[in-house]
Every structure is written in structure tokens, then in C-alpha cells.
Amino acid sequence: MSEEEAPRKRADARRNQQALLDAAAAVFVRSGVEAPVRDIAAAAGVGMGTIYRHFPTRADLVVAVYRHQVEACAEAGPALLASSGTPHAALAAWIDLFVDFLVTKHGLATAIRSDNAGPLHAYFLDRLVPVCAELLAAAAAAGEIRSDVAAFELMFGVGNLCAGVDPRYDARRLVGLLVAGLGSGGGGA
């Protein structure tokens, strides 16, 4: 194999892995982390062998999707702040992505051993709390929301709102009400 073929093959493998992670996340949102691997393969447009080559176990796939989504959510914060009409609009769009992440995260504990969940949770907090804090600070500085909301507090509240399992419960609607309500009370407590 020539030197040019090796990097191209690695780039193809990375693209396949990204397509798999994106497809798995979408399937997990729709069907949960126990969704059949063949559904993920079909959504990614790859064979099942490709999935198992990248992710030998379901737990490997779930952890990779989790990390992939944390990174996507972390990277989206600054991009949304730069491209949205207002900091509050950026915050609302980011919270919407965060809700998608939380929906995918359901079932993680059953898909991986609980002793692996601690480091993943710390990774989640280390990556996402500062992003949320930056969005909150920008919206507060613009006078669009209260200035006394902590990032961890907001993320914890959103997480709790997303924990409902009753089909009559619309977590996204309640999260929207929460985000809209951040503006009430002016700029203070």
C-alpha cells in the first residue's frame, strides 16, 4: 500500500465511524440503546461487520455515541453563540441539543457496567458545564435572562425534566417553558 493510500483509508475509516456514531445516536433517540444493530447499520449505510469492526460490543458503541454527543454538544455552544441572533436564542438552541443528548443517554446505565459510568459522568460535566455557563453569561450580559442561574443548576433541572417516561409527558415542552422562564425576574433573584 502506498503512502497516499494509507491516509485515504484512515480518512474513510474515520468517516465510517462518524457516520456510525451519528446513525447510532439517531436510532438510540428513536428506539433506545437496545435497538437492533442491523437498524444502526442500515441507517449508517454500512454492513454489520463494519459496526463490529469499530465497536466490538454494544457497550463500546454506546460509550462512543455518548462521548461523540458530548463533544458535539460542547462544540455547538460557541458555534451557536456566534451564529444565533441573540445569546438567548443560542442558549435555547443549545438546550435543545442537550435534550437530544439526554434522550439518547437514557438506557446508558443498562448498556454499560455501572463502574464505567462514573468517569463518563465526570467527562460529561467537565465538557458541558463550562459551555452552558458561557451561554448563560452571554445571555445575562445581554440582559435577556436572569443573572443568578448557575450552569450546573440549569443542566440538572433540564435533566430531571427529561427523566419522564410516561408517553403523555412532553419533556421538550417543559424544557422550553423553563428556558423561556429564565427571562422572568429581570436580571436578578
C-alpha atoms as a PDB file:
ATOM      1  CA  MET A   1       0.000   0.000   0.000  1.00  0.00           C
ATOM      2  CA  SER A   2       1.370   3.393  -0.966  1.00  0.00           C
ATOM      3  CA  GLU A   3       1.724   6.259   1.489  1.00  0.00           C
ATOM      4  CA  GLU A   4      -1.197   8.048  -0.212  1.00  0.00           C
ATOM      5  CA  GLU A   5      -3.498   5.005   0.102  1.00  0.00           C
ATOM      6  CA  ALA A   6      -2.903   4.619   3.864  1.00  0.00           C
ATOM      7  CA  PRO A   7      -4.105   8.128   4.874  1.00  0.00           C
ATOM      8  CA  ARG A   8      -7.075   7.826   2.482  1.00  0.00           C
ATOM      9  CA  LYS A   9      -8.031   4.510   4.084  1.00  0.00           C
ATOM     10  CA  ARG A  10      -7.757   6.047   7.565  1.00  0.00           C
ATOM     11  CA  ALA A  11      -9.891   9.001   6.442  1.00  0.00           C
ATOM     12  CA  ASP A  12     -12.508   6.571   5.067  1.00  0.00           C
ATOM     13  CA  ALA A  13     -12.472   4.655   8.355  1.00  0.00           C
ATOM     14  CA  ARG A  14     -12.955   7.908  10.311  1.00  0.00           C
ATOM     15  CA  ARG A  15     -15.856   8.902   8.047  1.00  0.00           C
ATOM     16  CA  ASN A  16     -17.419   5.451   8.508  1.00  0.00           C
ATOM     17  CA  GLN A  17     -17.017   5.752  12.260  1.00  0.00           C
ATOM     18  CA  GLN A  18     -18.590   9.243  12.288  1.00  0.00           C
ATOM     19  CA  ALA A  19     -21.478   8.003  10.121  1.00  0.00           C
ATOM     20  CA  LEU A  20     -21.949   5.084  12.511  1.00  0.00           C
ATOM     21  CA  LEU A  21     -21.958   7.320  15.570  1.00  0.00           C
ATOM     22  CA  ASP A  22     -24.436   9.761  14.007  1.00  0.00           C
ATOM     23  CA  ALA A  23     -26.692   6.920  12.855  1.00  0.00           C
ATOM     24  CA  ALA A  24     -26.483   5.139  16.214  1.00  0.00           C
ATOM     25  CA  ALA A  25     -27.386   8.348  18.055  1.00  0.00           C
ATOM     26  CA  ALA A  26     -30.435   8.868  15.820  1.00  0.00           C
ATOM     27  CA  VAL A  27     -31.533   5.247  16.235  1.00  0.00           C
ATOM     28  CA  PHE A  28     -30.992   5.446  20.011  1.00  0.00           C
ATOM     29  CA  VAL A  29     -33.180   8.571  20.207  1.00  0.00           C
ATOM     30  CA  ARG A  30     -35.898   6.812  18.237  1.00  0.00           C
ATOM     31  CA  SER A  31     -35.675   3.290  19.669  1.00  0.00           C
ATOM     32  CA  GLY A  32     -33.419   3.312  22.744  1.00  0.00           C
ATOM     33  CA  VAL A  33     -29.945   1.876  23.277  1.00  0.00           C
ATOM     34  CA  GLU A  34     -31.220  -1.677  22.880  1.00  0.00           C
ATOM     35  CA  ALA A  35     -32.144  -1.042  19.231  1.00  0.00           C
ATOM     36  CA  PRO A  36     -31.007  -3.811  16.871  1.00  0.00           C
ATOM     37  CA  VAL A  37     -27.533  -3.324  15.428  1.00  0.00           C
ATOM     38  CA  ARG A  38     -28.966  -4.006  11.958  1.00  0.00           C
ATOM     39  CA  ASP A  39     -31.082  -0.833  12.329  1.00  0.00           C
ATOM     40  CA  ILE A  40     -27.954   1.188  13.053  1.00  0.00           C
ATOM     41  CA  ALA A  41     -26.093  -0.406  10.134  1.00  0.00           C
ATOM     42  CA  ALA A  42     -28.988   0.368   7.784  1.00  0.00           C
ATOM     43  CA  ALA A  43     -29.199   3.975   8.993  1.00  0.00           C
ATOM     44  CA  ALA A  44     -25.437   4.406   8.508  1.00  0.00           C
ATOM     45  CA  GLY A  45     -25.433   2.684   5.126  1.00  0.00           C
ATOM     46  CA  VAL A  46     -22.814   0.138   6.204  1.00  0.00           C
ATOM     47  CA  GLY A  47     -22.710  -3.578   6.869  1.00  0.00           C
ATOM     48  CA  MET A  48     -22.974  -5.032  10.342  1.00  0.00           C
ATOM     49  CA  GLY A  49     -19.352  -6.169  10.084  1.00  0.00           C
ATOM     50  CA  THR A  50     -18.284  -2.535   9.863  1.00  0.00           C
ATOM     51  CA  ILE A  51     -20.063  -1.790  13.134  1.00  0.00           C
ATOM     52  CA  TYR A  52     -18.438  -4.718  14.921  1.00  0.00           C
ATOM     53  CA  ARG A  53     -15.023  -3.821  13.476  1.00  0.00           C
ATOM     54  CA  HIS A  54     -15.279  -0.353  15.064  1.00  0.00           C
ATOM     55  CA  PHE A  55     -17.295  -1.335  18.155  1.00  0.00           C
ATOM     56  CA  PRO A  56     -16.914  -4.995  19.189  1.00  0.00           C
ATOM     57  CA  THR A  57     -19.630  -4.765  21.877  1.00  0.00           C
ATOM     58  CA  ARG A  58     -22.857  -2.812  22.321  1.00  0.00           C
ATOM     59  CA  ALA A  59     -21.298  -1.152  25.374  1.00  0.00           C
ATOM     60  CA  ASP A  60     -18.394   0.065  23.214  1.00  0.00           C
ATOM     61  CA  LEU A  61     -20.877   1.573  20.759  1.00  0.00           C
ATOM     62  CA  VAL A  62     -22.999   3.200  23.466  1.00  0.00           C
ATOM     63  CA  VAL A  63     -19.961   4.734  25.186  1.00  0.00           C
ATOM     64  CA  ALA A  64     -18.644   6.006  21.841  1.00  0.00           C
ATOM     65  CA  VAL A  65     -22.032   7.556  20.998  1.00  0.00           C
ATOM     66  CA  TYR A  66     -22.133   9.133  24.460  1.00  0.00           C
ATOM     67  CA  ARG A  67     -18.676  10.688  24.031  1.00  0.00           C
ATOM     68  CA  HIS A  68     -19.447  11.718  20.443  1.00  0.00           C
ATOM     69  CA  GLN A  69     -22.601  13.510  21.544  1.00  0.00           C
ATOM     70  CA  VAL A  70     -20.886  15.213  24.470  1.00  0.00           C
ATOM     71  CA  GLU A  71     -18.262  16.545  22.065  1.00  0.00           C
ATOM     72  CA  ALA A  72     -20.893  17.645  19.527  1.00  0.00           C
ATOM     73  CA  CYS A  73     -22.846  19.423  22.264  1.00  0.00           C
ATOM     74  CA  ALA A  74     -19.688  21.087  23.609  1.00  0.00           C
ATOM     75  CA  GLU A  75     -18.631  22.270  20.151  1.00  0.00           C
ATOM     76  CA  ALA A  76     -22.132  23.523  19.327  1.00  0.00           C
ATOM     77  CA  GLY A  77     -22.199  26.070  22.163  1.00  0.00           C
ATOM     78  CA  PRO A  78     -19.650  28.538  20.791  1.00  0.00           C
ATOM     79  CA  ALA A  79     -20.866  27.985  17.219  1.00  0.00           C
ATOM     80  CA  LEU A  80     -24.464  28.757  18.211  1.00  0.00           C
ATOM     81  CA  LEU A  81     -23.356  31.828  20.147  1.00  0.00           C
ATOM     82  CA  ALA A  82     -21.547  33.100  17.060  1.00  0.00           C
ATOM     83  CA  SER A  83     -24.362  32.348  14.604  1.00  0.00           C
ATOM     84  CA  SER A  84     -27.599  32.964  16.519  1.00  0.00           C
ATOM     85  CA  GLY A  85     -29.485  36.234  16.506  1.00  0.00           C
ATOM     86  CA  THR A  86     -29.247  36.595  20.282  1.00  0.00           C
ATOM     87  CA  PRO A  87     -27.437  34.862  23.145  1.00  0.00           C
ATOM     88  CA  HIS A  88     -30.823  33.667  24.466  1.00  0.00           C
ATOM     89  CA  ALA A  89     -31.597  32.075  21.075  1.00  0.00           C
ATOM     90  CA  ALA A  90     -28.174  30.375  21.193  1.00  0.00           C
ATOM     91  CA  LEU A  91     -28.890  29.130  24.723  1.00  0.00           C
ATOM     92  CA  ALA A  92     -32.322  27.805  23.695  1.00  0.00           C
ATOM     93  CA  ALA A  93     -30.858  26.018  20.653  1.00  0.00           C
ATOM     94  CA  TRP A  94     -28.071  24.532  22.771  1.00  0.00           C
ATOM     95  CA  ILE A  95     -30.528  23.338  25.410  1.00  0.00           C
ATOM     96  CA  ASP A  96     -32.496  21.662  22.600  1.00  0.00           C
ATOM     97  CA  LEU A  97     -29.318  19.782  21.571  1.00  0.00           C
ATOM     98  CA  PHE A  98     -28.706  18.941  25.221  1.00  0.00           C
ATOM     99  CA  VAL A  99     -32.210  17.454  25.446  1.00  0.00           C
ATOM    100  CA  ASP A 100     -31.457  15.298  22.389  1.00  0.00           C
ATOM    101  CA  PHE A 101     -28.306  14.129  24.143  1.00  0.00           C
ATOM    102  CA  LEU A 102     -30.221  13.328  27.328  1.00  0.00           C
ATOM    103  CA  VAL A 103     -32.808  11.316  25.414  1.00  0.00           C
ATOM    104  CA  THR A 104     -30.018   9.256  23.844  1.00  0.00           C
ATOM    105  CA  LYS A 105     -28.356   8.855  27.236  1.00  0.00           C
ATOM    106  CA  HIS A 106     -31.402   7.026  28.669  1.00  0.00           C
ATOM    107  CA  GLY A 107     -30.542   3.381  28.990  1.00  0.00           C
ATOM    108  CA  LEU A 108     -26.807   4.010  29.201  1.00  0.00           C
ATOM    109  CA  ALA A 109     -26.592   2.512  32.690  1.00  0.00           C
ATOM    110  CA  THR A 110     -28.080  -0.761  31.492  1.00  0.00           C
ATOM    111  CA  ALA A 111     -25.884  -0.882  28.401  1.00  0.00           C
ATOM    112  CA  ILE A 112     -22.578  -0.450  30.248  1.00  0.00           C
ATOM    113  CA  ARG A 113     -21.423  -1.568  33.650  1.00  0.00           C
ATOM    114  CA  SER A 114     -22.132   0.943  36.422  1.00  0.00           C
ATOM    115  CA  ASP A 115     -18.438   1.148  37.379  1.00  0.00           C
ATOM    116  CA  ASN A 116     -17.759   2.709  33.960  1.00  0.00           C
ATOM    117  CA  ALA A 117     -20.487   5.328  34.343  1.00  0.00           C
ATOM    118  CA  GLY A 118     -18.600   7.454  36.924  1.00  0.00           C
ATOM    119  CA  PRO A 119     -15.794   8.556  34.587  1.00  0.00           C
ATOM    120  CA  LEU A 120     -18.326   9.198  31.801  1.00  0.00           C
ATOM    121  CA  HIS A 121     -20.409  11.406  34.082  1.00  0.00           C
ATOM    122  CA  ALA A 122     -17.327  13.387  35.120  1.00  0.00           C
ATOM    123  CA  TYR A 123     -16.373  13.765  31.440  1.00  0.00           C
ATOM    124  CA  PHE A 124     -19.915  14.968  30.690  1.00  0.00           C
ATOM    125  CA  LEU A 125     -19.768  17.607  33.445  1.00  0.00           C
ATOM    126  CA  ASP A 126     -16.217  18.723  32.630  1.00  0.00           C
ATOM    127  CA  ARG A 127     -17.105  19.305  28.958  1.00  0.00           C
ATOM    128  CA  LEU A 128     -20.658  20.676  29.142  1.00  0.00           C
ATOM    129  CA  VAL A 129     -20.965  22.777  32.310  1.00  0.00           C
ATOM    130  CA  PRO A 130     -18.446  25.391  31.033  1.00  0.00           C
ATOM    131  CA  VAL A 131     -20.265  25.597  27.673  1.00  0.00           C
ATOM    132  CA  CYS A 132     -23.614  26.136  29.377  1.00  0.00           C
ATOM    133  CA  ALA A 133     -22.002  28.697  31.699  1.00  0.00           C
ATOM    134  CA  GLU A 134     -20.647  30.635  28.709  1.00  0.00           C
ATOM    135  CA  LEU A 135     -24.089  30.700  27.064  1.00  0.00           C
ATOM    136  CA  LEU A 136     -25.791  31.756  30.303  1.00  0.00           C
ATOM    137  CA  ALA A 137     -23.226  34.515  30.896  1.00  0.00           C
ATOM    138  CA  ALA A 138     -23.686  35.883  27.365  1.00  0.00           C
ATOM    139  CA  ALA A 139     -27.488  35.892  27.681  1.00  0.00           C
ATOM    140  CA  ALA A 140     -27.294  37.514  31.133  1.00  0.00           C
ATOM    141  CA  ALA A 141     -24.816  40.146  29.889  1.00  0.00           C
ATOM    142  CA  ALA A 142     -27.253  40.948  27.059  1.00  0.00           C
ATOM    143  CA  GLY A 143     -29.993  41.417  29.674  1.00  0.00           C
ATOM    144  CA  GLU A 144     -32.049  38.574  28.184  1.00  0.00           C
ATOM    145  CA  ILE A 145     -32.120  36.301  31.233  1.00  0.00           C
ATOM    146  CA  ARG A 146     -31.662  36.395  34.963  1.00  0.00           C
ATOM    147  CA  SER A 147     -28.061  36.593  36.096  1.00  0.00           C
ATOM    148  CA  ASP A 148     -28.441  34.207  39.035  1.00  0.00           C
ATOM    149  CA  VAL A 149     -28.806  30.897  37.174  1.00  0.00           C
ATOM    150  CA  ALA A 150     -25.870  28.513  37.508  1.00  0.00           C
ATOM    151  CA  ALA A 151     -24.989  26.207  34.610  1.00  0.00           C
ATOM    152  CA  PHE A 152     -24.991  23.042  36.719  1.00  0.00           C
ATOM    153  CA  GLU A 153     -28.329  24.034  38.225  1.00  0.00           C
ATOM    154  CA  LEU A 154     -29.935  24.571  34.801  1.00  0.00           C
ATOM    155  CA  MET A 155     -28.473  21.371  33.353  1.00  0.00           C
ATOM    156  CA  PHE A 156     -29.607  19.381  36.394  1.00  0.00           C
ATOM    157  CA  GLY A 157     -33.113  20.818  36.069  1.00  0.00           C
ATOM    158  CA  VAL A 158     -33.273  20.024  32.356  1.00  0.00           C
ATOM    159  CA  GLY A 159     -32.026  16.520  33.106  1.00  0.00           C
ATOM    160  CA  ASN A 160     -34.767  15.988  35.657  1.00  0.00           C
ATOM    161  CA  LEU A 161     -37.405  17.270  33.246  1.00  0.00           C
ATOM    162  CA  CYS A 162     -36.159  14.747  30.669  1.00  0.00           C
ATOM    163  CA  ALA A 163     -36.465  11.816  33.074  1.00  0.00           C
ATOM    164  CA  GLY A 164     -40.216  11.317  32.470  1.00  0.00           C
ATOM    165  CA  VAL A 165     -41.201   8.047  30.833  1.00  0.00           C
ATOM    166  CA  ASP A 166     -44.965   8.428  30.506  1.00  0.00           C
ATOM    167  CA  PRO A 167     -45.965   8.854  26.833  1.00  0.00           C
ATOM    168  CA  ARG A 168     -48.361  11.657  27.843  1.00  0.00           C
ATOM    169  CA  TYR A 169     -45.394  13.633  29.207  1.00  0.00           C
ATOM    170  CA  ASP A 170     -43.693  16.068  26.821  1.00  0.00           C
ATOM    171  CA  ALA A 171     -40.292  16.841  28.319  1.00  0.00           C
ATOM    172  CA  ARG A 172     -39.276  19.062  25.413  1.00  0.00           C
ATOM    173  CA  ARG A 173     -42.309  21.317  26.012  1.00  0.00           C
ATOM    174  CA  LEU A 174     -41.493  21.690  29.712  1.00  0.00           C
ATOM    175  CA  VAL A 175     -37.828  22.361  28.977  1.00  0.00           C
ATOM    176  CA  GLY A 176     -38.970  25.066  26.548  1.00  0.00           C
ATOM    177  CA  LEU A 177     -41.060  26.625  29.312  1.00  0.00           C
ATOM    178  CA  LEU A 178     -38.061  26.516  31.644  1.00  0.00           C
ATOM    179  CA  VAL A 179     -35.782  28.215  29.104  1.00  0.00           C
ATOM    180  CA  ALA A 180     -38.441  30.843  28.337  1.00  0.00           C
ATOM    181  CA  GLY A 181     -38.854  31.419  32.073  1.00  0.00           C
ATOM    182  CA  LEU A 182     -35.178  32.258  32.537  1.00  0.00           C
ATOM    183  CA  GLY A 183     -36.028  35.775  31.427  1.00  0.00           C
ATOM    184  CA  SER A 184     -38.582  36.353  34.155  1.00  0.00           C
ATOM    185  CA  GLY A 185     -37.500  38.350  37.140  1.00  0.00           C
ATOM    186  CA  GLY A 186     -35.312  40.796  35.252  1.00  0.00           C
ATOM    187  CA  GLY A 187     -31.611  40.405  35.874  1.00  0.00           C
ATOM    188  CA  GLY A 188     -31.564  39.211  39.470  1.00  0.00           C
ATOM    189  CA  ALA A 189     -33.090  36.967  42.069  1.00  0.00           C
END
